[in-house]
Protein backbone atom coordinates (compact mmCIF):
# COMPACT_ATOMS: atom_id res chain seq x y z
CA UNK A 1 0.00 0.00 0.00
CA UNK A 2 1.05 3.53 -0.62
CA UNK A 3 0.84 6.33 1.91
CA UNK A 4 -2.06 7.96 0.07
CA UNK A 5 -4.19 4.79 -0.09
CA UNK A 6 -7.39 4.79 1.91
CA UNK A 7 -10.04 2.29 2.84
CA UNK A 8 -13.66 3.15 2.14
CA UNK A 9 -16.51 1.52 4.04
CA UNK A 10 -20.22 2.03 4.01
CA UNK A 11 -22.13 3.93 6.66
CA UNK A 12 -21.23 2.84 10.18
CA UNK A 13 -22.52 3.30 13.71
CA UNK A 14 -20.71 3.42 17.01
CA UNK A 15 -20.60 0.42 19.32
CA UNK A 16 -22.64 2.56 21.72
CA UNK A 17 -25.65 2.37 19.40
CA UNK A 18 -25.91 -1.41 19.80
CA UNK A 19 -25.51 -1.26 23.57
CA UNK A 20 -27.87 1.71 23.85
CA UNK A 21 -30.45 -0.16 21.79
CA UNK A 22 -30.17 -3.05 24.25
CA UNK A 23 -31.05 -0.75 27.16
CA UNK A 24 -33.94 0.83 25.23
CA UNK A 25 -35.41 -2.55 24.20
CA UNK A 26 -35.24 -3.85 27.77
CA UNK A 27 -36.78 -0.65 29.17
CA UNK A 28 -39.65 -0.68 26.67
CA UNK A 29 -40.17 -4.41 27.20
CA UNK A 30 -40.18 -3.97 30.98
CA UNK A 31 -42.81 -1.24 30.80
CA UNK A 32 -44.95 -3.25 28.38
CA UNK A 33 -44.64 -6.64 30.09
CA UNK A 34 -43.98 -6.15 33.82
CA UNK A 35 -46.79 -4.83 36.01
CA UNK A 36 -44.48 -4.35 39.03
CA UNK A 37 -42.08 -1.42 39.16
CA UNK A 38 -39.48 -3.41 41.09
CA UNK A 39 -39.13 -5.98 38.30
CA UNK A 40 -39.06 -3.19 35.72
CA UNK A 41 -36.22 -1.49 37.59
CA UNK A 42 -34.33 -4.77 38.00
CA UNK A 43 -34.60 -5.48 34.27
CA UNK A 44 -33.30 -2.02 33.34
CA UNK A 45 -30.44 -2.19 35.88
CA UNK A 46 -29.41 -5.56 34.46
CA UNK A 47 -29.56 -4.12 30.93
CA UNK A 48 -27.32 -1.22 31.95
CA UNK A 49 -24.89 -3.69 33.52
CA UNK A 50 -25.00 -5.78 30.33
CA UNK A 51 -24.28 -2.71 28.20
CA UNK A 52 -21.34 -1.71 30.38
CA UNK A 53 -19.96 -5.23 30.86
CA UNK A 54 -21.33 -7.60 28.19
CA UNK A 55 -19.27 -10.52 29.49
CA UNK A 56 -21.52 -10.61 32.59
CA UNK A 57 -24.43 -11.88 30.45
CA UNK A 58 -26.70 -9.67 32.57
CA UNK A 59 -29.09 -9.07 29.66
CA UNK A 60 -30.31 -12.62 29.98
CA UNK A 61 -31.10 -11.81 33.61
CA UNK A 62 -33.28 -8.99 32.35
CA UNK A 63 -35.12 -11.54 30.21
CA UNK A 64 -35.80 -13.44 33.44
CA UNK A 65 -37.29 -10.29 34.97
CA UNK A 66 -39.57 -9.91 31.95
CA UNK A 67 -40.66 -13.55 32.24
CA UNK A 68 -41.50 -13.07 35.92
CA UNK A 69 -43.55 -10.03 34.97
CA UNK A 70 -45.41 -12.10 32.39
CA UNK A 71 -46.12 -14.84 34.95
CA UNK A 72 -47.54 -12.34 37.43
CA UNK A 73 -50.14 -10.99 35.02
CA UNK A 74 -52.98 -12.59 33.10
CA UNK A 75 -52.26 -14.24 29.73
CA UNK A 76 -52.77 -11.88 26.80
CA UNK A 77 -52.10 -12.46 23.10
CA UNK A 78 -50.70 -8.99 22.44
CA UNK A 79 -48.33 -9.12 25.39
CA UNK A 80 -47.20 -12.63 24.41
CA UNK A 81 -46.36 -11.43 20.90
CA UNK A 82 -44.47 -8.43 22.31
CA UNK A 83 -42.59 -10.77 24.65
CA UNK A 84 -41.51 -13.03 21.78
CA UNK A 85 -40.16 -10.02 19.88
CA UNK A 86 -38.51 -8.34 22.88
CA UNK A 87 -36.80 -11.50 24.13
CA UNK A 88 -35.31 -12.20 20.71
CA UNK A 89 -34.22 -8.57 20.29
CA UNK A 90 -32.49 -8.69 23.67
CA UNK A 91 -30.77 -11.94 22.72
CA UNK A 92 -29.58 -10.58 19.36
CA UNK A 93 -28.40 -7.25 20.78
CA UNK A 94 -26.59 -8.95 23.65
CA UNK A 95 -24.91 -11.39 21.28
CA UNK A 96 -23.78 -8.48 19.11
CA UNK A 97 -22.53 -6.60 22.18
CA UNK A 98 -20.33 -9.57 23.04
CA UNK A 99 -18.54 -9.49 19.68
CA UNK A 100 -18.39 -5.75 18.98
CA UNK A 101 -15.39 -4.29 20.83
CA UNK A 102 -15.77 -1.10 22.83
CA UNK A 103 -14.62 1.93 20.89
CA UNK A 104 -15.23 0.39 17.48
CA UNK A 105 -17.57 1.28 14.65
CA UNK A 106 -19.86 -1.23 12.97
CA UNK A 107 -20.65 -1.01 9.28
CA UNK A 108 -24.43 -1.13 8.97
CA UNK A 109 -24.22 -3.69 6.15
CA UNK A 110 -22.52 -6.07 8.61
CA UNK A 111 -25.67 -6.01 10.76
CA UNK A 112 -27.87 -7.09 7.83
CA UNK A 113 -27.49 -10.89 8.35
CA UNK A 114 -28.48 -10.54 12.02
CA UNK A 115 -31.50 -8.44 11.04
CA UNK A 116 -32.56 -10.98 8.41
CA UNK A 117 -32.25 -13.84 10.91
CA UNK A 118 -34.32 -11.84 13.39
CA UNK A 119 -37.04 -11.33 10.79
CA UNK A 120 -36.98 -15.00 9.75
CA UNK A 121 -37.34 -16.20 13.33
CA UNK A 122 -40.13 -13.70 14.00
CA UNK A 123 -41.94 -14.80 10.83
CA UNK A 124 -42.08 -18.28 12.34
CA UNK A 125 -42.41 -17.47 16.05
CA UNK A 126 -45.24 -14.93 15.89
CA UNK A 127 -47.76 -17.21 14.12
CA UNK A 128 -46.81 -20.06 16.46
CA UNK A 129 -47.42 -17.73 19.41
CA UNK A 130 -50.84 -16.80 18.06
CA UNK A 131 -51.79 -20.45 17.55
CA UNK A 132 -50.59 -21.48 21.01
CA UNK A 133 -52.39 -18.59 22.69
CA UNK A 134 -55.62 -19.27 20.82
CA UNK A 135 -55.49 -23.03 21.48
CA UNK A 136 -54.52 -22.30 25.08
CA UNK A 137 -57.44 -19.91 25.46
CA UNK A 138 -59.89 -22.42 24.00
CA UNK A 139 -58.47 -25.22 26.14
CA UNK A 140 -58.69 -23.10 29.28
CA UNK A 141 -62.33 -22.27 28.58
CA UNK A 142 -63.07 -25.96 27.98
CA UNK A 143 -61.27 -26.86 31.23
CA UNK A 144 -58.69 -28.99 29.38
CA UNK A 145 -55.03 -28.48 30.13
CA UNK A 146 -52.82 -26.79 27.55
CA UNK A 147 -49.46 -27.39 29.20
CA UNK A 148 -49.35 -31.16 28.54
CA UNK A 149 -50.31 -30.58 24.90
CA UNK A 150 -47.61 -27.94 24.45
CA UNK A 151 -45.03 -30.17 26.16
CA UNK A 152 -45.84 -33.08 23.85
CA UNK A 153 -45.66 -30.83 20.77
CA UNK A 154 -42.34 -29.36 21.93
CA UNK A 155 -40.90 -32.79 22.66
CA UNK A 156 -41.99 -33.99 19.22
CA UNK A 157 -40.28 -31.01 17.59
CA UNK A 158 -37.06 -31.71 19.50
CA UNK A 159 -37.13 -35.39 18.49
CA UNK A 160 -37.74 -34.48 14.83
CA UNK A 161 -34.91 -31.93 14.85
CA UNK A 162 -32.53 -34.37 16.53
CA UNK A 163 -33.36 -37.12 14.04
CA UNK A 164 -32.86 -34.73 11.12
CA UNK A 165 -29.50 -33.54 12.44
CA UNK A 166 -28.30 -37.10 13.11
CA UNK A 167 -29.27 -38.26 9.63
CA UNK A 168 -27.47 -35.31 8.05
CA UNK A 169 -24.40 -35.80 10.24
CA UNK A 170 -24.12 -39.46 9.25
CA UNK A 171 -24.27 -38.80 5.50
CA UNK A 172 -21.10 -39.42 3.64
CA UNK A 173 -19.64 -36.56 1.69
CA UNK A 174 -19.75 -37.09 -2.10
């Protein structure tokens, strides 16, 4: 390289944007999902700790606070859908915070694969949430239990995934 060579990148954001977004998502999720101020405050404090020290994995503690808030209140389809989105956003932002060094800049195009994965997962998870909440609501009104049905469906999905992965792992390369 010569002294006058330069490297051009696309638009970039500071590492603080990702960590700030983590705090904002947790705060909004806490207000939307937790009826108790103490759990809201705990979730936000854990998010601030996670933004300052990502290696503490404190953001996943804030997810726990949101779950406790959900358990305290009555089941609601809208809140369940918000919870599915917020929990995945927290997970993605925390995972990005772990790999983006402090003081760096992130090219926005580099965040595109994470955004596409987020959208793909939400495209699957949101309809599943709606179906489970509707079936759960119908089952509750009919005095049948939803939890055993959901556990059997989840176990079946795990078995199918495991079988698929084992079959693919045992294939011989051409």
